[in-house]
Every structure is written in C-alpha cells, then in structure tokens.
C-alpha atoms as a PDB file:
ATOM      1  CA  UNK A   1       0.074   0.005  -0.050  1.00  0.00           C
ATOM      2  CA  UNK A   2       1.404   3.427  -0.951  1.00  0.00           C
ATOM      3  CA  UNK A   3       1.505   5.852   1.885  1.00  0.00           C
ATOM      4  CA  UNK A   4      -0.917   8.712   1.396  1.00  0.00           C
ATOM      5  CA  UNK A   5      -0.009  12.306   2.405  1.00  0.00           C
ATOM      6  CA  UNK A   6      -0.715  13.215   5.906  1.00  0.00           C
ATOM      7  CA  UNK A   7       0.752  12.595   9.173  1.00  0.00           C
ATOM      8  CA  UNK A   8       3.979  10.473   8.923  1.00  0.00           C
ATOM      9  CA  UNK A   9       3.653   6.972  10.241  1.00  0.00           C
ATOM     10  CA  UNK A  10       5.331   5.757  13.462  1.00  0.00           C
ATOM     11  CA  UNK A  11       8.704   4.534  12.502  1.00  0.00           C
ATOM     12  CA  UNK A  12       9.105   0.724  12.445  1.00  0.00           C
ATOM     13  CA  UNK A  13       5.420   0.062  12.376  1.00  0.00           C
ATOM     14  CA  UNK A  14       3.620  -1.508   9.426  1.00  0.00           C
ATOM     15  CA  UNK A  15       0.598   0.580   8.391  1.00  0.00           C
ATOM     16  CA  UNK A  16      -2.789  -0.814   9.758  1.00  0.00           C
ATOM     17  CA  UNK A  17      -5.009  -1.455   6.773  1.00  0.00           C
ATOM     18  CA  UNK A  18      -8.054  -3.312   8.358  1.00  0.00           C
ATOM     19  CA  UNK A  19     -10.692  -2.313  10.711  1.00  0.00           C
ATOM     20  CA  UNK A  20      -9.384  -4.832  13.215  1.00  0.00           C
ATOM     21  CA  UNK A  21      -5.766  -3.471  13.106  1.00  0.00           C
ATOM     22  CA  UNK A  22      -6.801   0.128  13.352  1.00  0.00           C
ATOM     23  CA  UNK A  23      -9.237  -0.675  16.205  1.00  0.00           C
ATOM     24  CA  UNK A  24      -6.456  -2.487  18.152  1.00  0.00           C
ATOM     25  CA  UNK A  25      -4.162   0.455  17.618  1.00  0.00           C
ATOM     26  CA  UNK A  26      -6.712   2.815  18.910  1.00  0.00           C
ATOM     27  CA  UNK A  27      -7.559   0.666  21.955  1.00  0.00           C
ATOM     28  CA  UNK A  28      -3.755   0.638  22.963  1.00  0.00           C
ATOM     29  CA  UNK A  29      -3.769   4.406  22.703  1.00  0.00           C
ATOM     30  CA  UNK A  30      -6.993   4.770  24.740  1.00  0.00           C
ATOM     31  CA  UNK A  31      -5.506   2.565  27.460  1.00  0.00           C
ATOM     32  CA  UNK A  32      -2.215   4.478  27.398  1.00  0.00           C
ATOM     33  CA  UNK A  33      -3.567   8.104  27.280  1.00  0.00           C
ATOM     34  CA  UNK A  34      -7.258   7.905  28.030  1.00  0.00           C
ATOM     35  CA  UNK A  35     -10.252   7.949  25.536  1.00  0.00           C
ATOM     36  CA  UNK A  36     -11.005  11.660  25.656  1.00  0.00           C
ATOM     37  CA  UNK A  37      -7.177  12.490  25.581  1.00  0.00           C
ATOM     38  CA  UNK A  38      -6.677  10.568  22.282  1.00  0.00           C
ATOM     39  CA  UNK A  39      -7.482  12.189  19.027  1.00  0.00           C
ATOM     40  CA  UNK A  40      -8.131  10.902  15.500  1.00  0.00           C
ATOM     41  CA  UNK A  41      -4.969  12.357  14.254  1.00  0.00           C
ATOM     42  CA  UNK A  42      -2.995  10.574  17.068  1.00  0.00           C
ATOM     43  CA  UNK A  43      -4.669   7.229  15.952  1.00  0.00           C
ATOM     44  CA  UNK A  44      -4.069   7.699  12.352  1.00  0.00           C
ATOM     45  CA  UNK A  45      -0.400   8.574  12.984  1.00  0.00           C
ATOM     46  CA  UNK A  46       0.057   5.431  15.237  1.00  0.00           C
ATOM     47  CA  UNK A  47      -1.602   3.267  12.640  1.00  0.00           C
ATOM     48  CA  UNK A  48       0.514   4.716   9.791  1.00  0.00           C
ATOM     49  CA  UNK A  49      -2.363   5.914   7.720  1.00  0.00           C
ATOM     50  CA  UNK A  50      -3.752   9.300   6.763  1.00  0.00           C
ATOM     51  CA  UNK A  51      -6.757  10.988   8.343  1.00  0.00           C
ATOM     52  CA  UNK A  52      -8.754  10.469   5.200  1.00  0.00           C
ATOM     53  CA  UNK A  53      -7.991   6.760   5.172  1.00  0.00           C
ATOM     54  CA  UNK A  54      -9.044   6.568   8.823  1.00  0.00           C
ATOM     55  CA  UNK A  55     -12.439   7.868   7.956  1.00  0.00           C
ATOM     56  CA  UNK A  56     -12.873   5.203   5.252  1.00  0.00           C
ATOM     57  CA  UNK A  57     -12.904   2.635   7.983  1.00  0.00           C
ATOM     58  CA  UNK A  58     -14.636   4.435  10.925  1.00  0.00           C
ATOM     59  CA  UNK A  59     -17.148   7.273  10.881  1.00  0.00           C
ATOM     60  CA  UNK A  60     -15.874   8.657  14.224  1.00  0.00           C
ATOM     61  CA  UNK A  61     -13.534   7.981  17.144  1.00  0.00           C
ATOM     62  CA  UNK A  62     -16.576   6.502  19.093  1.00  0.00           C
ATOM     63  CA  UNK A  63     -16.849   3.756  16.557  1.00  0.00           C
ATOM     64  CA  UNK A  64     -13.270   2.481  17.093  1.00  0.00           C
ATOM     65  CA  UNK A  65     -13.729   0.173  20.061  1.00  0.00           C
ATOM     66  CA  UNK A  66     -16.488  -1.686  18.285  1.00  0.00           C
ATOM     67  CA  UNK A  67     -13.984  -2.928  15.642  1.00  0.00           C
ATOM     68  CA  UNK A  68     -15.772  -5.272  13.250  1.00  0.00           C
ATOM     69  CA  UNK A  69     -19.095  -5.164  14.957  1.00  0.00           C
ATOM     70  CA  UNK A  70     -21.085  -5.390  11.782  1.00  0.00           C
ATOM     71  CA  UNK A  71     -19.396  -8.774  11.161  1.00  0.00           C
ATOM     72  CA  UNK A  72     -20.507  -9.954  14.532  1.00  0.00           C
ATOM     73  CA  UNK A  73     -24.068  -8.818  13.886  1.00  0.00           C
ATOM     74  CA  UNK A  74     -23.969 -10.778  10.577  1.00  0.00           C
ATOM     75  CA  UNK A  75     -22.601 -13.874  12.428  1.00  0.00           C
ATOM     76  CA  UNK A  76     -25.397 -13.798  14.960  1.00  0.00           C
ATOM     77  CA  UNK A  77     -28.028 -13.361  12.260  1.00  0.00           C
ATOM     78  CA  UNK A  78     -26.608 -16.328  10.283  1.00  0.00           C
ATOM     79  CA  UNK A  79     -26.510 -18.570  13.337  1.00  0.00           C
ATOM     80  CA  UNK A  80     -30.052 -17.844  14.343  1.00  0.00           C
ATOM     81  CA  UNK A  81     -31.242 -18.366  10.751  1.00  0.00           C
ATOM     82  CA  UNK A  82     -29.437 -21.806  10.848  1.00  0.00           C
ATOM     83  CA  UNK A  83     -30.994 -22.878  14.278  1.00  0.00           C
ATOM     84  CA  UNK A  84     -32.931 -26.060  14.334  1.00  0.00           C
ATOM     85  CA  UNK A  85     -36.736 -25.097  14.211  1.00  0.00           C
ATOM     86  CA  UNK A  86     -37.331 -27.714  16.826  1.00  0.00           C
ATOM     87  CA  UNK A  87     -34.935 -25.947  19.281  1.00  0.00           C
ATOM     88  CA  UNK A  88     -36.785 -23.519  21.738  1.00  0.00           C
ATOM     89  CA  UNK A  89     -36.319 -19.784  21.264  1.00  0.00           C
ATOM     90  CA  UNK A  90     -34.395 -19.473  24.445  1.00  0.00           C
ATOM     91  CA  UNK A  91     -32.015 -22.328  23.607  1.00  0.00           C
ATOM     92  CA  UNK A  92     -31.470 -21.047  20.084  1.00  0.00           C
ATOM     93  CA  UNK A  93     -30.654 -17.514  21.392  1.00  0.00           C
ATOM     94  CA  UNK A  94     -28.452 -18.779  24.059  1.00  0.00           C
ATOM     95  CA  UNK A  95     -26.372 -20.988  21.751  1.00  0.00           C
ATOM     96  CA  UNK A  96     -25.965 -18.380  19.053  1.00  0.00           C
ATOM     97  CA  UNK A  97     -25.033 -15.638  21.431  1.00  0.00           C
ATOM     98  CA  UNK A  98     -22.434 -17.724  23.201  1.00  0.00           C
ATOM     99  CA  UNK A  99     -21.018 -18.893  19.884  1.00  0.00           C
ATOM    100  CA  UNK A 100     -20.521 -15.381  18.483  1.00  0.00           C
ATOM    101  CA  UNK A 101     -18.928 -14.289  21.918  1.00  0.00           C
ATOM    102  CA  UNK A 102     -16.399 -17.088  21.645  1.00  0.00           C
ATOM    103  CA  UNK A 103     -13.254 -15.196  20.686  1.00  0.00           C
ATOM    104  CA  UNK A 104      -9.998 -16.697  19.764  1.00  0.00           C
ATOM    105  CA  UNK A 105      -7.300 -16.687  22.609  1.00  0.00           C
ATOM    106  CA  UNK A 106      -5.238 -13.962  20.910  1.00  0.00           C
ATOM    107  CA  UNK A 107      -8.387 -11.821  20.559  1.00  0.00           C
ATOM    108  CA  UNK A 108      -9.588 -11.950  24.070  1.00  0.00           C
ATOM    109  CA  UNK A 109      -7.233  -9.446  25.673  1.00  0.00           C
ATOM    110  CA  UNK A 110      -8.297  -6.820  23.081  1.00  0.00           C
ATOM    111  CA  UNK A 111     -11.955  -7.788  23.484  1.00  0.00           C
ATOM    112  CA  UNK A 112     -11.691  -7.291  27.275  1.00  0.00           C
ATOM    113  CA  UNK A 113     -10.101  -3.969  26.810  1.00  0.00           C
ATOM    114  CA  UNK A 114     -12.745  -3.004  24.285  1.00  0.00           C
ATOM    115  CA  UNK A 115     -15.678  -3.878  26.492  1.00  0.00           C
ATOM    116  CA  UNK A 116     -14.019  -2.145  29.432  1.00  0.00           C
ATOM    117  CA  UNK A 117     -14.020   1.008  27.435  1.00  0.00           C
ATOM    118  CA  UNK A 118     -17.536   0.587  26.091  1.00  0.00           C
ATOM    119  CA  UNK A 119     -19.042  -0.066  29.491  1.00  0.00           C
ATOM    120  CA  UNK A 120     -17.150   2.558  31.484  1.00  0.00           C
ATOM    121  CA  UNK A 121     -16.460   5.610  29.359  1.00  0.00           C
ATOM    122  CA  UNK A 122     -19.582   7.856  29.382  1.00  0.00           C
ATOM    123  CA  UNK A 123     -19.314   9.166  25.805  1.00  0.00           C
ATOM    124  CA  UNK A 124     -18.967   5.537  24.578  1.00  0.00           C
ATOM    125  CA  UNK A 125     -21.741   4.289  26.598  1.00  0.00           C
ATOM    126  CA  UNK A 126     -24.024   6.815  25.147  1.00  0.00           C
ATOM    127  CA  UNK A 127     -22.927   6.097  21.628  1.00  0.00           C
ATOM    128  CA  UNK A 128     -23.467   2.284  22.320  1.00  0.00           C
ATOM    129  CA  UNK A 129     -27.220   2.865  22.060  1.00  0.00           C
ATOM    130  CA  UNK A 130     -27.003   2.778  18.368  1.00  0.00           C
ATOM    131  CA  UNK A 131     -24.999  -0.391  18.184  1.00  0.00           C
ATOM    132  CA  UNK A 132     -27.155  -2.122  20.891  1.00  0.00           C
ATOM    133  CA  UNK A 133     -30.276  -1.203  18.859  1.00  0.00           C
ATOM    134  CA  UNK A 134     -28.838  -3.015  15.754  1.00  0.00           C
ATOM    135  CA  UNK A 135     -28.015  -6.073  17.994  1.00  0.00           C
ATOM    136  CA  UNK A 136     -31.465  -6.137  19.463  1.00  0.00           C
ATOM    137  CA  UNK A 137     -33.050  -5.860  16.019  1.00  0.00           C
ATOM    138  CA  UNK A 138     -31.374  -9.126  14.962  1.00  0.00           C
ATOM    139  CA  UNK A 139     -32.735 -10.903  18.099  1.00  0.00           C
ATOM    140  CA  UNK A 140     -36.236  -9.394  17.660  1.00  0.00           C
ATOM    141  CA  UNK A 141     -36.311 -10.421  13.928  1.00  0.00           C
ATOM    142  CA  UNK A 142     -35.608 -13.947  15.019  1.00  0.00           C
ATOM    143  CA  UNK A 143     -38.155 -14.065  17.773  1.00  0.00           C
ATOM    144  CA  UNK A 144     -40.824 -12.460  15.591  1.00  0.00           C
ATOM    145  CA  UNK A 145     -40.367 -14.973  12.897  1.00  0.00           C
ATOM    146  CA  UNK A 146     -40.489 -17.890  15.294  1.00  0.00           C
ATOM    147  CA  UNK A 147     -43.695 -16.590  17.012  1.00  0.00           C
ATOM    148  CA  UNK A 148     -45.333 -15.349  13.849  1.00  0.00           C
ATOM    149  CA  UNK A 149     -45.600 -11.849  15.183  1.00  0.00           C
ATOM    150  CA  UNK A 150     -44.715  -8.402  14.125  1.00  0.00           C
ATOM    151  CA  UNK A 151     -41.113  -7.530  14.950  1.00  0.00           C
ATOM    152  CA  UNK A 152     -42.435  -4.392  16.734  1.00  0.00           C
ATOM    153  CA  UNK A 153     -44.773  -6.303  19.009  1.00  0.00           C
ATOM    154  CA  UNK A 154     -44.239  -6.675  22.685  1.00  0.00           C
ATOM    155  CA  UNK A 155     -42.697 -10.175  22.951  1.00  0.00           C
ATOM    156  CA  UNK A 156     -39.930  -9.838  20.313  1.00  0.00           C
ATOM    157  CA  UNK A 157     -38.927  -6.528  21.738  1.00  0.00           C
ATOM    158  CA  UNK A 158     -38.981  -7.589  25.271  1.00  0.00           C
ATOM    159  CA  UNK A 159     -36.930 -10.782  24.624  1.00  0.00           C
ATOM    160  CA  UNK A 160     -34.465  -8.730  22.619  1.00  0.00           C
ATOM    161  CA  UNK A 161     -34.039  -6.259  25.601  1.00  0.00           C
ATOM    162  CA  UNK A 162     -33.811  -9.102  27.951  1.00  0.00           C
ATOM    163  CA  UNK A 163     -31.020 -10.856  26.032  1.00  0.00           C
ATOM    164  CA  UNK A 164     -29.137  -7.684  25.929  1.00  0.00           C
ATOM    165  CA  UNK A 165     -29.299  -7.243  29.613  1.00  0.00           C
ATOM    166  CA  UNK A 166     -28.193 -10.744  30.163  1.00  0.00           C
ATOM    167  CA  UNK A 167     -25.127 -10.233  27.924  1.00  0.00           C
ATOM    168  CA  UNK A 168     -24.206  -6.886  29.698  1.00  0.00           C
ATOM    169  CA  UNK A 169     -24.492  -8.468  33.083  1.00  0.00           C
ATOM    170  CA  UNK A 170     -22.249 -11.317  31.987  1.00  0.00           C
ATOM    171  CA  UNK A 171     -19.668  -8.933  30.488  1.00  0.00           C
ATOM    172  CA  UNK A 172     -19.665  -6.847  33.701  1.00  0.00           C
ATOM    173  CA  UNK A 173     -18.759  -9.929  35.761  1.00  0.00           C
ATOM    174  CA  UNK A 174     -16.228 -11.050  33.183  1.00  0.00           C
ATOM    175  CA  UNK A 175     -14.506  -7.570  33.448  1.00  0.00           C
ATOM    176  CA  UNK A 176     -14.540  -7.763  37.230  1.00  0.00           C
ATOM    177  CA  UNK A 177     -12.796 -11.154  37.348  1.00  0.00           C
ATOM    178  CA  UNK A 178      -9.783 -11.746  35.143  1.00  0.00           C
ATOM    179  CA  UNK A 179      -9.778 -15.505  35.461  1.00  0.00           C
ATOM    180  CA  UNK A 180     -13.539 -15.924  34.671  1.00  0.00           C
ATOM    181  CA  UNK A 181     -14.774 -17.464  31.470  1.00  0.00           C
ATOM    182  CA  UNK A 182     -17.020 -15.312  29.330  1.00  0.00           C
ATOM    183  CA  UNK A 183     -18.942 -18.350  27.838  1.00  0.00           C
ATOM    184  CA  UNK A 184     -19.557 -19.850  31.240  1.00  0.00           C
ATOM    185  CA  UNK A 185     -20.901 -16.425  32.514  1.00  0.00           C
ATOM    186  CA  UNK A 186     -23.208 -16.154  29.484  1.00  0.00           C
ATOM    187  CA  UNK A 187     -24.530 -19.646  30.196  1.00  0.00           C
ATOM    188  CA  UNK A 188     -25.028 -18.795  33.840  1.00  0.00           C
ATOM    189  CA  UNK A 189     -26.830 -15.553  33.061  1.00  0.00           C
ATOM    190  CA  UNK A 190     -29.341 -17.376  30.852  1.00  0.00           C
ATOM    191  CA  UNK A 191     -29.746 -20.160  33.410  1.00  0.00           C
ATOM    192  CA  UNK A 192     -30.342 -17.584  36.120  1.00  0.00           C
ATOM    193  CA  UNK A 193     -33.049 -15.882  33.998  1.00  0.00           C
ATOM    194  CA  UNK A 194     -34.621 -19.307  33.420  1.00  0.00           C
ATOM    195  CA  UNK A 195     -34.626 -20.136  37.057  1.00  0.00           C
ATOM    196  CA  UNK A 196     -36.059 -16.815  38.117  1.00  0.00           C
ATOM    197  CA  UNK A 197     -38.856 -16.787  35.650  1.00  0.00           C
ATOM    198  CA  UNK A 198     -39.537 -20.498  35.706  1.00  0.00           C
ATOM    199  CA  UNK A 199     -38.701 -21.273  32.070  1.00  0.00           C
ATOM    200  CA  UNK A 200     -39.729 -24.870  31.239  1.00  0.00           C
ATOM    201  CA  UNK A 201     -39.440 -26.245  27.740  1.00  0.00           C
ATOM    202  CA  UNK A 202     -38.910 -22.599  26.373  1.00  0.00           C
ATOM    203  CA  UNK A 203     -42.065 -21.324  27.888  1.00  0.00           C
ATOM    204  CA  UNK A 204     -42.595 -19.502  31.275  1.00  0.00           C
ATOM    205  CA  UNK A 205     -44.764 -21.451  33.746  1.00  0.00           C
ATOM    206  CA  UNK A 206     -48.189 -19.771  34.352  1.00  0.00           C
ATOM    207  CA  UNK A 207     -48.462 -19.407  38.068  1.00  0.00           C
ATOM    208  CA  UNK A 208     -51.563 -17.193  37.768  1.00  0.00           C
END
C-alpha cells in the first residue's frame, strides 16, 4: 500500500489497513492516554495511515472500540437463521449468542479492553445505544419470525431487551474477574433468568 499524504507513520510500524488493526491500535492508545485525551490524528499517526484513510474505515472515534461489529451482527443473524426449528427460542438464542462471543485466545485481551471502554467511558456508553439497537433488531427479527408476530410487537422486543441485559451483566462480571470465562458467565446468566422466571421447555410457567 502506498503511503498517502498526511501525518507520517510511526517509525518501525507496518501501516494498519483493516478495521481490526486500526481498532487495536486505537485501543492501545486509549488505554495509554485515556479515551478523551486521544484524538483521531493521534490514532491515524500511530496506525501509519492518513486521516482520510481513517474515515474510510470508521465514521468517528466513538466507533473504534467496536471494531468489526457489523461482522458480529451478521454472524449472529446467520447462526439464528440456521437454528434447528425444533430448538426452543431461548436455547437457540443462548447457543448463538455464546458462539459469536467465543473469541480466539489472541483476541480475548483486546476484547476485554474493548468492552471495558464501552461499559465505562460515558461518551462511549451513550454512543453504544445505536449499536445495541442493531444487535437487538437481529434478536427481535428472529423471535418475531419464530412466533409469527410483528417484529415491533411486545414479545420480540421484550426478549431482545432481556437478552441484551443478560449479555451486559455477564460482561460486567467478566471484566471484574480476570480469571472468569465469558462463555460460562453467559450460560449462567441465561440459566439464572430461566430459574427466576420459571422457564420450562422454552415457555414460562403460568403461576396465575
């Protein structure tokens, strides 16, 4: 790749040319300097790319910690679409969500740093609303299709919000405990919800 005009690259560093590489570079700077104290020009310089190239990959600095989030959304959608129709909605969601959150060993440290930023930096937490909405939409679409309902009706939306809450609670526990396993925490979160609400065979018991 020919170096474009702009801030000179950091000596000795190969230019970052993928979303993942640029995101990793940014996360390193955020941890070193602080999110608010790191600017787009700093990230572009560290990545060995121009400011113009940076904006080809990310609309804003707030999008950097998300990395390849669109790929994750697509993966979740594909796994849900491939779920066995005989599998309960809860089981299908649990399995798909755990699978897409099963990061390779060499990615986990960056993923931990990423989620730490997203859940603790106020400006990022506010920006996350848009990303979470896209994630919930995939879940709601799946639930609506399974139940034969409109995606905007109560059940698909409630289940999508509930799944998001389960995931965030598992991530918070994961970030608080360096030796915990994210997959185990996600399983435990879903199991806890089933225990509290009396889920049996994919349906809540009617105690009324």
